[in-house]
């Protein structure tokens, strides 16, 4: 079984969270790889693909209505299982999405430190008091976002796993259902176009 490359073309600022802040000004730091470069976690991508397959199943799309492909590729959910029942594992592995390797290697050099910093921005938001129309006290929040980039993730079967022969084509069919990635997808962040190609 061959591997595939998932291309993610970000159209807007995006944020993949870490659960951590950066001091007093930033409440939510962006996810970074070991070189300090922005990346999108593979587990997040896997969840988005699973969600797209679940939507196709719910809408009765041809080839997706029975949910068999969903469970084979991404495993069984634990909700609804009886106590002690072990969910079936999925057959695919998804890497973190990163910029192209050559660009990552160049940006990882110490001389490019200022360029790495330019990939990130901080957006501020506050809550508005409905009565007065002014900002509520202590409601200023900062989120670190990443500028629009092109990312790539590798999708491949686990060693020894044998997924259906048409698994890549089935994933391609549902990619248009993934319109955004990362946090605040419903608030305008992370708009993206996804395509899948043979690696």
Protein backbone atom coordinates (compact mmCIF):
# COMPACT_ATOMS: atom_id res chain seq x y z
CA UNK A 1 0.00 0.00 0.00
CA UNK A 2 1.37 3.38 -0.95
CA UNK A 3 1.38 6.61 1.02
CA UNK A 4 -0.43 9.80 0.08
CA UNK A 5 0.26 13.47 0.70
CA UNK A 6 -2.55 15.64 2.00
CA UNK A 7 -2.03 19.23 0.85
CA UNK A 8 -3.64 21.87 3.07
CA UNK A 9 -3.71 25.35 1.55
CA UNK A 10 -4.62 27.80 4.32
CA UNK A 11 -6.53 30.88 3.12
CA UNK A 12 -6.76 32.81 6.42
CA UNK A 13 -5.00 33.08 9.76
CA UNK A 14 -5.25 29.79 11.66
CA UNK A 15 -4.63 28.46 15.15
CA UNK A 16 -3.81 24.94 16.28
CA UNK A 17 -3.76 25.12 20.04
CA UNK A 18 -1.42 23.74 22.66
CA UNK A 19 -3.46 24.44 25.78
CA UNK A 20 -0.77 26.87 26.91
CA UNK A 21 -0.32 30.63 26.90
CA UNK A 22 2.68 32.88 26.35
CA UNK A 23 2.78 35.19 29.35
CA UNK A 24 0.33 37.97 30.07
CA UNK A 25 -0.41 39.03 26.48
CA UNK A 26 -1.18 35.67 24.83
CA UNK A 27 -3.71 33.30 26.35
CA UNK A 28 -3.48 30.64 23.62
CA UNK A 29 -0.15 29.76 21.97
CA UNK A 30 0.03 28.18 18.52
CA UNK A 31 1.28 24.61 18.09
CA UNK A 32 4.89 24.37 16.90
CA UNK A 33 7.14 21.54 15.79
CA UNK A 34 10.56 20.79 17.30
CA UNK A 35 12.14 23.57 15.19
CA UNK A 36 9.66 26.19 16.40
CA UNK A 37 7.77 26.22 13.11
CA UNK A 38 3.98 26.14 12.84
CA UNK A 39 2.38 22.74 12.31
CA UNK A 40 -1.07 21.17 12.40
CA UNK A 41 -1.22 18.04 14.60
CA UNK A 42 -1.95 14.77 12.82
CA UNK A 43 -4.54 13.83 15.44
CA UNK A 44 -6.48 17.00 14.53
CA UNK A 45 -6.35 16.18 10.81
CA UNK A 46 -7.47 12.63 11.56
CA UNK A 47 -10.45 14.00 13.48
CA UNK A 48 -11.43 16.31 10.62
CA UNK A 49 -11.26 13.44 8.11
CA UNK A 50 -13.28 11.21 10.43
CA UNK A 51 -15.88 13.97 10.81
CA UNK A 52 -16.11 14.38 7.02
CA UNK A 53 -16.67 10.63 6.59
CA UNK A 54 -19.33 10.72 9.34
CA UNK A 55 -21.12 13.54 7.49
CA UNK A 56 -21.03 11.56 4.24
CA UNK A 57 -22.45 8.56 6.10
CA UNK A 58 -25.22 10.63 7.72
CA UNK A 59 -26.18 12.10 4.36
CA UNK A 60 -26.24 8.68 2.69
CA UNK A 61 -23.52 9.32 0.11
CA UNK A 62 -22.89 6.38 -2.21
CA UNK A 63 -20.08 4.23 -0.84
CA UNK A 64 -20.24 5.90 2.58
CA UNK A 65 -23.77 5.20 3.84
CA UNK A 66 -22.94 2.00 5.74
CA UNK A 67 -20.04 3.49 7.74
CA UNK A 68 -17.80 0.47 7.13
CA UNK A 69 -15.03 2.52 5.52
CA UNK A 70 -15.14 5.05 8.36
CA UNK A 71 -14.63 2.38 11.02
CA UNK A 72 -11.95 0.54 9.05
CA UNK A 73 -9.85 3.64 8.36
CA UNK A 74 -10.24 5.52 11.64
CA UNK A 75 -11.43 2.94 14.14
CA UNK A 76 -14.45 2.67 16.33
CA UNK A 77 -15.61 5.39 18.72
CA UNK A 78 -15.77 4.47 22.39
CA UNK A 79 -19.17 6.10 22.93
CA UNK A 80 -21.91 3.50 23.03
CA UNK A 81 -19.61 0.56 23.77
CA UNK A 82 -20.41 -1.60 26.75
CA UNK A 83 -18.05 -1.67 29.73
CA UNK A 84 -14.96 -3.71 28.99
CA UNK A 85 -15.54 -3.74 25.23
CA UNK A 86 -12.42 -2.74 23.31
CA UNK A 87 -12.95 -0.50 20.27
CA UNK A 88 -11.48 -1.55 16.92
CA UNK A 89 -8.38 0.41 15.87
CA UNK A 90 -8.11 2.31 12.61
CA UNK A 91 -5.82 1.34 9.73
CA UNK A 92 -4.36 4.76 8.83
CA UNK A 93 -1.56 6.89 10.24
CA UNK A 94 -1.60 10.68 9.71
CA UNK A 95 1.52 12.78 10.29
CA UNK A 96 1.57 16.38 11.48
CA UNK A 97 1.05 18.82 8.61
CA UNK A 98 4.14 20.96 8.06
CA UNK A 99 5.54 23.28 5.45
CA UNK A 100 7.57 21.64 2.64
CA UNK A 101 10.80 20.02 3.90
CA UNK A 102 13.19 22.35 2.07
CA UNK A 103 11.47 25.43 3.49
CA UNK A 104 11.42 23.93 7.00
CA UNK A 105 15.15 23.15 6.81
CA UNK A 106 15.93 26.70 5.72
CA UNK A 107 13.71 28.35 8.34
CA UNK A 108 15.16 26.11 11.08
CA UNK A 109 18.59 27.75 10.68
CA UNK A 110 19.55 30.17 13.47
CA UNK A 111 20.02 32.95 10.90
CA UNK A 112 16.29 32.77 10.07
CA UNK A 113 15.05 33.39 13.63
CA UNK A 114 13.40 36.71 12.69
CA UNK A 115 11.66 35.08 9.73
CA UNK A 116 10.25 32.33 11.95
CA UNK A 117 8.78 34.99 14.24
CA UNK A 118 7.12 36.66 11.23
CA UNK A 119 4.98 33.56 10.68
CA UNK A 120 2.99 34.32 13.84
CA UNK A 121 0.62 37.15 14.81
CA UNK A 122 -1.38 37.90 17.95
CA UNK A 123 -5.08 38.68 17.65
CA UNK A 124 -6.83 40.37 20.56
CA UNK A 125 -10.51 40.16 21.41
CA UNK A 126 -12.71 41.33 24.24
CA UNK A 127 -16.24 40.89 25.51
CA UNK A 128 -18.62 43.83 25.15
CA UNK A 129 -21.08 44.73 27.90
CA UNK A 130 -24.56 44.66 26.34
CA UNK A 131 -25.82 47.42 28.64
CA UNK A 132 -23.03 49.97 28.17
CA UNK A 133 -21.61 48.97 24.80
CA UNK A 134 -18.08 49.15 26.18
CA UNK A 135 -15.51 46.45 26.89
CA UNK A 136 -16.03 44.36 30.00
CA UNK A 137 -13.33 44.59 32.65
CA UNK A 138 -10.66 41.88 32.48
CA UNK A 139 -12.07 40.37 29.28
CA UNK A 140 -9.15 41.08 26.91
CA UNK A 141 -7.87 37.83 25.39
CA UNK A 142 -4.96 37.21 23.05
CA UNK A 143 -4.62 34.27 20.67
CA UNK A 144 -1.49 33.51 18.67
CA UNK A 145 -2.34 32.74 15.05
CA UNK A 146 -0.27 31.71 12.03
CA UNK A 147 -0.24 33.46 8.66
CA UNK A 148 -1.75 31.56 5.71
CA UNK A 149 0.62 28.80 4.54
CA UNK A 150 0.68 25.64 2.46
CA UNK A 151 1.09 22.54 4.63
CA UNK A 152 1.61 18.87 3.83
CA UNK A 153 0.74 15.77 5.85
CA UNK A 154 1.53 12.15 5.04
CA UNK A 155 -1.29 9.61 5.20
CA UNK A 156 -0.41 5.93 5.01
CA UNK A 157 -1.62 2.56 6.24
CA UNK A 158 -0.14 1.28 9.48
CA UNK A 159 2.50 -1.44 9.03
CA UNK A 160 0.73 -4.73 8.35
CA UNK A 161 -2.65 -3.04 7.85
CA UNK A 162 -4.60 -3.68 4.65
CA UNK A 163 -7.20 -0.96 4.07
CA UNK A 164 -9.68 -1.16 1.16
CA UNK A 165 -7.97 -0.60 -2.20
CA UNK A 166 -10.05 2.52 -2.90
CA UNK A 167 -9.49 4.22 0.48
CA UNK A 168 -7.67 7.23 -1.01
CA UNK A 169 -10.38 7.84 -3.60
CA UNK A 170 -13.05 7.64 -0.88
CA UNK A 171 -11.15 10.20 1.21
CA UNK A 172 -10.85 12.49 -1.82
CA UNK A 173 -14.64 12.41 -2.18
CA UNK A 174 -15.19 13.86 1.29
CA UNK A 175 -12.36 16.44 1.35
CA UNK A 176 -14.67 19.27 0.18
CA UNK A 177 -16.57 18.80 3.46
CA UNK A 178 -13.49 20.00 5.36
CA UNK A 179 -13.59 23.76 4.82
CA UNK A 180 -11.48 24.89 7.78
CA UNK A 181 -8.89 23.56 10.22
CA UNK A 182 -7.78 24.41 13.74
CA UNK A 183 -9.50 26.34 16.50
CA UNK A 184 -12.27 28.89 15.84
CA UNK A 185 -13.15 27.24 12.52
CA UNK A 186 -16.68 28.61 12.80
CA UNK A 187 -15.40 32.14 13.51
CA UNK A 188 -13.42 32.68 10.33
CA UNK A 189 -10.06 31.21 11.26
CA UNK A 190 -8.42 28.35 9.38
CA UNK A 191 -10.26 28.44 6.05
CA UNK A 192 -8.55 25.83 3.90
CA UNK A 193 -8.58 23.85 0.67
CA UNK A 194 -7.54 20.20 0.96
CA UNK A 195 -6.30 17.89 -1.80
CA UNK A 196 -4.89 14.36 -1.70
CA UNK A 197 -2.13 13.14 -4.03
CA UNK A 198 0.02 10.03 -4.25
CA UNK A 199 3.31 10.58 -2.42
